Amino acid sequence: RFICCFYCIDRSSSDLAAAGDTIGFRRRIRAATDVATISHLVVQYLFAREIYLLFLLHRPVEIIERAHSFVKALYKMRILSSHTIDGMVGSLMTSPEEDEQLVVRKKAEAEAWALTTCWDVKCACENYFKFSSGSQHSSSASVDGASIADGSQGGGESVTVVSQEQQQILAGQERNAACRLSELLEFARLRFLKLGDLELSLEENPIRAVSEAVFPPDMLKPWASWEDLLRAAAERKDEGEEETKEIEEEGNNEFYSKSGMAPKYLSTWLRGAFSSRASYETKYLELSGAIILLNQCAGRCRIAASLQGEHAE
């Protein structure tokens, strides 16, 4: 008990809630003079405890479903809090420009938090499943099967024998997980588009320009000869090399954020995504590529084909 008390001293209330630390979080609640300051963390604590129990029950698909519901619920809470601040604009002891910047920053932080959390869930699932778009699906989860030994009793390597029925169960579980995870990443894709509107502005978001156009931009231009295309490609290559040199000279600030959101919301995967239009497109293609693969693994061929068309444009 003394070790638990000593361990909880340097941990914040949010860390205790995220870890599902029963003893530490309950002690923090009893020690709080104003419960309202940590009441919003109760949802996070309950989610952590629920996920822990689902892990013990070996239900990975339900974990993804709960994570989806949790992210959407907290995202709505954060957006509502930004709307509350927006309604207070004019009554705060700050300039209108500062009030507007605060609202934009809170919205961007809500979008970045939801996007980063969804991507973290996807990375965690890759440690459990081996998603494949082929007809055969295999899972890296450990299976309780019969073990046989090669050689004598004192030595030899044990081999786990998985029956055909267990393989079918694992394949079905992987398809269900891919289906649920693709829905979670689709929510993340919408958040990434909205975050691009806030960081790059709605007019400069390159994905919006393609997805909302009646025709792709290249179809609105007259046909060019093969020689003109080769010449234009060589010019773009030279310009790209010059841009790369300029970015390297400037240091390529990976924590750049037009909205001014705190660096803690820019995860390792999200850093540098808003430094340029090209960086933003690269991250979006990585996200959409993951959604395409998951939909193929889940057997959703039409949805995957639709995203592939957008991916190609």
Protein backbone atom coordinates (compact mmCIF):
# COMPACT_ATOMS: atom_id res chain seq x y z
CA ARG A 1 0.00 0.00 0.00
CA PHE A 2 2.86 2.38 0.75
CA ILE A 3 4.38 1.65 -2.67
CA CYS A 4 1.04 2.42 -4.37
CA CYS A 5 0.77 5.75 -2.53
CA PHE A 6 4.33 6.66 -3.42
CA TYR A 7 3.80 5.67 -7.05
CA CYS A 8 0.70 7.88 -7.39
CA ILE A 9 2.36 11.05 -6.11
CA ASP A 10 3.93 12.08 -9.41
CA ARG A 11 1.07 10.89 -11.61
CA SER A 12 -1.62 13.28 -12.78
CA SER A 13 -5.32 12.52 -12.53
CA SER A 14 -5.57 12.05 -16.31
CA ASP A 15 -2.71 9.51 -16.24
CA LEU A 16 -4.41 7.55 -13.47
CA ALA A 17 -7.71 7.55 -15.37
CA ALA A 18 -6.09 6.51 -18.65
CA ALA A 19 -4.23 3.67 -16.91
CA GLY A 20 -7.38 2.47 -15.14
CA ASP A 21 -5.53 2.62 -11.83
CA THR A 22 -8.32 1.75 -9.39
CA ILE A 23 -6.49 2.52 -6.15
CA GLY A 24 -4.75 5.66 -7.40
CA PHE A 25 -7.81 7.18 -9.08
CA ARG A 26 -10.07 6.53 -6.08
CA ARG A 27 -7.51 8.14 -3.78
CA ARG A 28 -7.35 11.15 -6.11
CA ILE A 29 -11.15 11.48 -6.03
CA ARG A 30 -11.24 11.37 -2.22
CA ALA A 31 -8.41 13.90 -2.00
CA ALA A 32 -10.00 16.35 -4.47
CA THR A 33 -11.57 19.41 -2.87
CA ASP A 34 -13.77 19.98 -5.94
CA VAL A 35 -14.98 16.80 -7.65
CA ALA A 36 -16.11 18.83 -10.67
CA THR A 37 -12.46 19.34 -11.65
CA ILE A 38 -11.97 15.62 -12.30
CA SER A 39 -15.54 14.51 -13.10
CA HIS A 40 -14.78 14.49 -16.83
CA LEU A 41 -12.09 11.87 -16.20
CA VAL A 42 -14.59 9.33 -14.85
CA VAL A 43 -15.62 8.38 -18.40
CA GLN A 44 -11.99 7.82 -19.33
CA TYR A 45 -11.40 5.73 -16.20
CA LEU A 46 -14.46 3.54 -16.84
CA PHE A 47 -13.38 3.01 -20.43
CA ALA A 48 -9.91 1.89 -19.32
CA ARG A 49 -11.40 -0.60 -16.85
CA GLU A 50 -13.83 -1.91 -19.47
CA ILE A 51 -11.01 -2.43 -21.99
CA TYR A 52 -8.98 -4.26 -19.35
CA LEU A 53 -11.84 -6.70 -18.71
CA LEU A 54 -12.38 -7.25 -22.45
CA PHE A 55 -8.70 -8.13 -22.81
CA LEU A 56 -9.11 -10.73 -20.08
CA LEU A 57 -12.12 -12.14 -21.95
CA HIS A 58 -10.13 -12.23 -25.23
CA ARG A 59 -12.64 -10.11 -27.18
CA PRO A 60 -10.54 -7.89 -29.47
CA VAL A 61 -13.42 -7.01 -31.81
CA GLU A 62 -15.49 -5.64 -28.93
CA ILE A 63 -12.46 -3.59 -27.83
CA ILE A 64 -12.43 -1.85 -31.22
CA GLU A 65 -16.19 -1.21 -30.97
CA ARG A 66 -15.84 0.28 -27.49
CA ALA A 67 -12.90 2.41 -28.62
CA HIS A 68 -14.98 3.78 -31.49
CA SER A 69 -17.85 4.73 -29.17
CA PHE A 70 -15.45 6.23 -26.63
CA VAL A 71 -13.61 8.38 -29.18
CA LYS A 72 -16.85 9.69 -30.70
CA ALA A 73 -18.30 10.52 -27.26
CA LEU A 74 -15.23 12.43 -26.06
CA TYR A 75 -14.85 14.13 -29.42
CA LYS A 76 -18.39 15.49 -29.12
CA MET A 77 -17.63 16.69 -25.59
CA ARG A 78 -14.54 18.56 -26.79
CA ILE A 79 -16.41 20.12 -29.72
CA LEU A 80 -19.23 21.22 -27.42
CA SER A 81 -16.70 22.84 -25.10
CA SER A 82 -15.26 24.78 -28.06
CA HIS A 83 -18.79 25.92 -28.99
CA THR A 84 -19.25 27.07 -25.39
CA ILE A 85 -16.12 29.18 -25.69
CA ASP A 86 -17.38 30.47 -29.04
CA GLY A 87 -20.58 31.65 -27.34
CA MET A 88 -18.53 33.52 -24.75
CA VAL A 89 -16.62 35.49 -27.39
CA GLY A 90 -17.02 39.19 -26.67
CA SER A 91 -17.47 38.70 -22.93
CA LEU A 92 -13.85 37.62 -22.39
CA MET A 93 -11.22 40.19 -21.44
CA THR A 94 -9.37 39.67 -24.72
CA SER A 95 -9.44 41.06 -28.23
CA PRO A 96 -11.82 39.55 -30.84
CA GLU A 97 -8.84 38.18 -32.77
CA GLU A 98 -7.56 36.36 -29.70
CA ASP A 99 -11.03 35.00 -28.95
CA GLU A 100 -11.40 33.66 -32.48
CA GLN A 101 -7.93 32.11 -32.37
CA LEU A 102 -8.80 30.37 -29.09
CA VAL A 103 -11.94 28.83 -30.61
CA VAL A 104 -10.01 27.61 -33.66
CA ARG A 105 -7.28 26.16 -31.43
CA LYS A 106 -9.80 24.24 -29.29
CA LYS A 107 -11.50 22.81 -32.37
CA ALA A 108 -8.17 21.80 -33.89
CA GLU A 109 -7.10 20.11 -30.66
CA ALA A 110 -10.38 18.14 -30.57
CA GLU A 111 -9.89 17.00 -34.17
CA ALA A 112 -6.22 16.11 -33.59
CA TRP A 113 -7.01 14.17 -30.41
CA ALA A 114 -9.69 12.07 -32.11
CA LEU A 115 -7.51 11.45 -35.17
CA THR A 116 -4.45 10.45 -33.13
CA THR A 117 -6.47 8.13 -30.87
CA CYS A 118 -7.99 6.32 -33.86
CA TRP A 119 -4.55 5.85 -35.43
CA ASP A 120 -3.16 4.52 -32.13
CA VAL A 121 -5.94 1.92 -32.03
CA LYS A 122 -5.05 0.89 -35.58
CA CYS A 123 -1.36 0.50 -34.68
CA ALA A 124 -2.28 -1.57 -31.61
CA CYS A 125 -4.47 -3.87 -33.73
CA GLU A 126 -1.55 -4.55 -36.06
CA ASN A 127 0.23 -6.19 -33.13
CA TYR A 128 -2.69 -8.62 -32.74
CA PHE A 129 -3.92 -9.21 -36.30
CA LYS A 130 -2.18 -9.71 -39.62
CA PHE A 131 -4.66 -8.04 -41.93
CA SER A 132 -4.49 -9.39 -45.47
CA SER A 133 -6.59 -8.62 -48.53
CA GLY A 134 -6.25 -12.17 -49.85
CA SER A 135 -8.69 -15.04 -49.47
CA GLN A 136 -6.75 -16.54 -46.57
CA HIS A 137 -6.66 -14.55 -43.33
CA SER A 138 -4.36 -15.39 -40.49
CA SER A 139 -4.17 -13.99 -36.99
CA SER A 140 -1.08 -13.48 -34.90
CA ALA A 141 -3.07 -13.93 -31.71
CA SER A 142 -2.01 -16.85 -29.58
CA VAL A 143 -4.30 -19.84 -29.84
CA ASP A 144 -4.92 -22.50 -27.24
CA GLY A 145 -4.13 -25.55 -29.30
CA ALA A 146 -2.53 -28.95 -28.76
CA SER A 147 1.26 -28.87 -28.48
CA ILE A 148 3.47 -31.68 -29.67
CA ALA A 149 7.18 -32.11 -29.21
CA ASP A 150 9.71 -33.19 -31.80
CA GLY A 151 12.45 -35.47 -30.49
CA SER A 152 12.92 -36.73 -26.99
CA GLN A 153 11.07 -35.58 -23.89
CA GLY A 154 14.06 -33.66 -22.63
CA GLY A 155 14.45 -31.49 -25.74
CA GLY A 156 12.89 -30.53 -29.02
CA GLU A 157 10.78 -27.63 -30.22
CA SER A 158 7.08 -27.49 -29.43
CA VAL A 159 4.70 -26.81 -32.30
CA THR A 160 1.18 -25.44 -31.83
CA VAL A 161 -1.33 -27.38 -33.87
CA VAL A 162 -4.34 -25.31 -34.95
CA SER A 163 -7.35 -27.18 -36.23
CA GLN A 164 -9.24 -26.13 -39.33
CA GLU A 165 -12.20 -25.07 -37.20
CA GLN A 166 -9.97 -22.78 -35.13
CA GLN A 167 -8.50 -21.31 -38.32
CA GLN A 168 -11.99 -20.49 -39.56
CA ILE A 169 -12.84 -18.86 -36.24
CA LEU A 170 -9.68 -16.75 -36.38
CA ALA A 171 -10.34 -15.78 -40.00
CA GLY A 172 -13.88 -14.69 -39.12
CA GLN A 173 -12.61 -12.75 -36.13
CA GLU A 174 -10.07 -10.99 -38.32
CA ARG A 175 -12.71 -10.03 -40.88
CA ASN A 176 -14.94 -8.62 -38.14
CA ALA A 177 -12.00 -6.70 -36.67
CA ALA A 178 -11.10 -5.31 -40.10
CA CYS A 179 -14.71 -4.21 -40.61
CA ARG A 180 -14.89 -2.41 -37.26
CA LEU A 181 -11.44 -0.90 -37.62
CA SER A 182 -12.23 0.42 -41.12
CA GLU A 183 -15.27 2.21 -39.66
CA LEU A 184 -13.07 3.73 -36.96
CA LEU A 185 -10.51 4.93 -39.51
CA GLU A 186 -13.28 6.33 -41.70
CA PHE A 187 -14.22 8.51 -38.73
CA ALA A 188 -10.53 9.44 -38.46
CA ARG A 189 -10.45 10.34 -42.17
CA LEU A 190 -13.28 12.83 -41.68
CA ARG A 191 -11.42 14.32 -38.74
CA PHE A 192 -8.26 14.63 -40.84
CA LEU A 193 -10.18 16.50 -43.55
CA LYS A 194 -11.66 18.86 -40.96
CA LEU A 195 -8.26 19.38 -39.37
CA GLY A 196 -6.86 20.23 -42.80
CA ASP A 197 -9.57 22.88 -43.20
CA LEU A 198 -8.46 24.46 -39.91
CA GLU A 199 -4.72 24.22 -40.49
CA LEU A 200 -4.51 24.86 -44.25
CA SER A 201 -7.85 26.74 -44.68
CA LEU A 202 -10.79 25.38 -46.64
CA GLU A 203 -9.57 26.90 -49.92
CA GLU A 204 -6.04 25.46 -49.65
CA ASN A 205 -7.01 21.93 -48.57
CA PRO A 206 -5.82 19.84 -51.56
CA ILE A 207 -8.10 16.89 -50.72
CA ARG A 208 -11.21 19.07 -50.65
CA ALA A 209 -10.32 20.52 -54.03
CA VAL A 210 -10.31 17.03 -55.59
CA SER A 211 -13.18 15.35 -53.71
CA GLU A 212 -15.67 18.24 -54.05
CA ALA A 213 -14.90 19.10 -57.67
CA VAL A 214 -17.36 18.05 -60.37
CA PHE A 215 -14.45 16.92 -62.52
CA PRO A 216 -10.83 16.28 -61.54
CA PRO A 217 -8.62 19.34 -62.15
CA ASP A 218 -6.62 17.61 -64.89
CA MET A 219 -9.82 16.95 -66.89
CA LEU A 220 -10.55 20.68 -67.09
CA LYS A 221 -7.32 21.35 -69.00
CA PRO A 222 -6.82 20.83 -72.75
CA TRP A 223 -4.88 17.80 -73.92
CA ALA A 224 -1.13 18.31 -74.22
CA SER A 225 1.35 16.57 -76.48
CA TRP A 226 3.75 13.92 -75.18
CA GLU A 227 6.72 16.26 -75.56
CA ASP A 228 4.98 18.97 -73.53
CA LEU A 229 4.19 16.48 -70.78
CA LEU A 230 7.82 15.33 -70.56
CA ARG A 231 9.01 18.93 -70.48
CA ALA A 232 6.51 19.84 -67.73
CA ALA A 233 7.52 16.75 -65.70
CA ALA A 234 11.19 17.74 -65.88
CA GLU A 235 10.35 21.27 -64.72
CA ARG A 236 8.28 19.96 -61.79
CA LYS A 237 11.16 17.70 -60.79
CA ASP A 238 13.56 20.64 -60.71
CA GLU A 239 11.10 22.74 -58.71
CA GLY A 240 10.55 19.86 -56.29
CA GLU A 241 14.28 19.53 -55.65
CA GLU A 242 14.52 23.26 -54.97
CA GLU A 243 11.55 23.08 -52.56
CA THR A 244 13.16 20.16 -50.74
CA LYS A 245 16.37 22.13 -50.29
CA GLU A 246 14.46 25.13 -48.96
CA ILE A 247 12.56 22.96 -46.47
CA GLU A 248 15.78 21.33 -45.28
CA GLU A 249 17.40 24.74 -44.85
CA GLU A 250 14.44 26.02 -42.83
CA GLY A 251 14.59 22.97 -40.58
CA ASN A 252 11.19 21.58 -41.60
CA ASN A 253 9.38 22.47 -38.36
CA GLU A 254 7.42 19.29 -37.59
CA PHE A 255 5.49 21.00 -34.78
CA TYR A 256 4.11 23.70 -37.09
CA SER A 257 0.43 24.42 -36.47
CA LYS A 258 -1.48 27.35 -37.93
CA SER A 259 -4.18 27.05 -35.28
CA GLY A 260 -1.62 27.21 -32.47
CA MET A 261 -2.63 23.93 -30.81
CA ALA A 262 -0.31 22.50 -28.17
CA PRO A 263 2.52 20.22 -29.43
CA LYS A 264 1.23 17.34 -27.27
CA TYR A 265 -1.69 16.94 -29.69
CA LEU A 266 0.72 16.43 -32.59
CA SER A 267 1.63 12.78 -32.21
CA THR A 268 4.70 11.25 -33.84
CA TRP A 269 2.58 10.16 -36.81
CA LEU A 270 0.90 13.56 -37.21
CA ARG A 271 4.01 15.74 -36.89
CA GLY A 272 4.94 17.65 -40.01
CA ALA A 273 1.60 16.89 -41.71
CA PHE A 274 0.66 20.58 -41.92
CA SER A 275 4.04 22.03 -42.86
CA SER A 276 3.06 21.91 -46.55
CA ARG A 277 0.31 20.73 -48.90
CA ALA A 278 2.52 17.85 -50.06
CA SER A 279 3.04 16.62 -46.48
CA TYR A 280 -0.69 16.78 -45.84
CA GLU A 281 -1.43 14.77 -48.99
CA THR A 282 1.16 12.15 -48.01
CA LYS A 283 -0.46 11.57 -44.61
CA TYR A 284 -3.93 11.47 -46.13
CA LEU A 285 -2.85 8.86 -48.68
CA GLU A 286 -1.35 6.76 -45.89
CA LEU A 287 -4.60 6.93 -43.92
CA SER A 288 -6.83 6.20 -46.90
CA GLY A 289 -4.53 3.36 -47.97
CA ALA A 290 -5.01 1.71 -44.58
CA ILE A 291 -8.80 2.05 -44.92
CA ILE A 292 -8.69 0.45 -48.38
CA LEU A 293 -6.69 -2.53 -47.11
CA LEU A 294 -9.04 -3.06 -44.16
CA ASN A 295 -12.13 -2.92 -46.36
CA GLN A 296 -10.58 -5.47 -48.71
CA CYS A 297 -9.80 -7.73 -45.75
CA ALA A 298 -13.40 -7.34 -44.52
CA GLY A 299 -14.78 -8.25 -47.94
CA ARG A 300 -16.16 -4.76 -48.63
CA CYS A 301 -14.98 -4.60 -52.21
CA ARG A 302 -17.26 -1.76 -53.35
CA ILE A 303 -16.23 0.58 -50.55
CA ALA A 304 -12.56 -0.26 -51.16
CA ALA A 305 -12.96 0.39 -54.91
CA SER A 306 -14.62 3.75 -54.23
CA LEU A 307 -11.76 4.83 -51.99
CA GLN A 308 -9.23 3.55 -54.52
CA GLY A 309 -10.77 5.85 -57.14
CA GLU A 310 -10.35 8.84 -54.81
CA HIS A 311 -6.88 7.60 -53.91
CA ALA A 312 -5.91 7.55 -57.61
CA GLU A 313 -7.17 11.09 -58.20
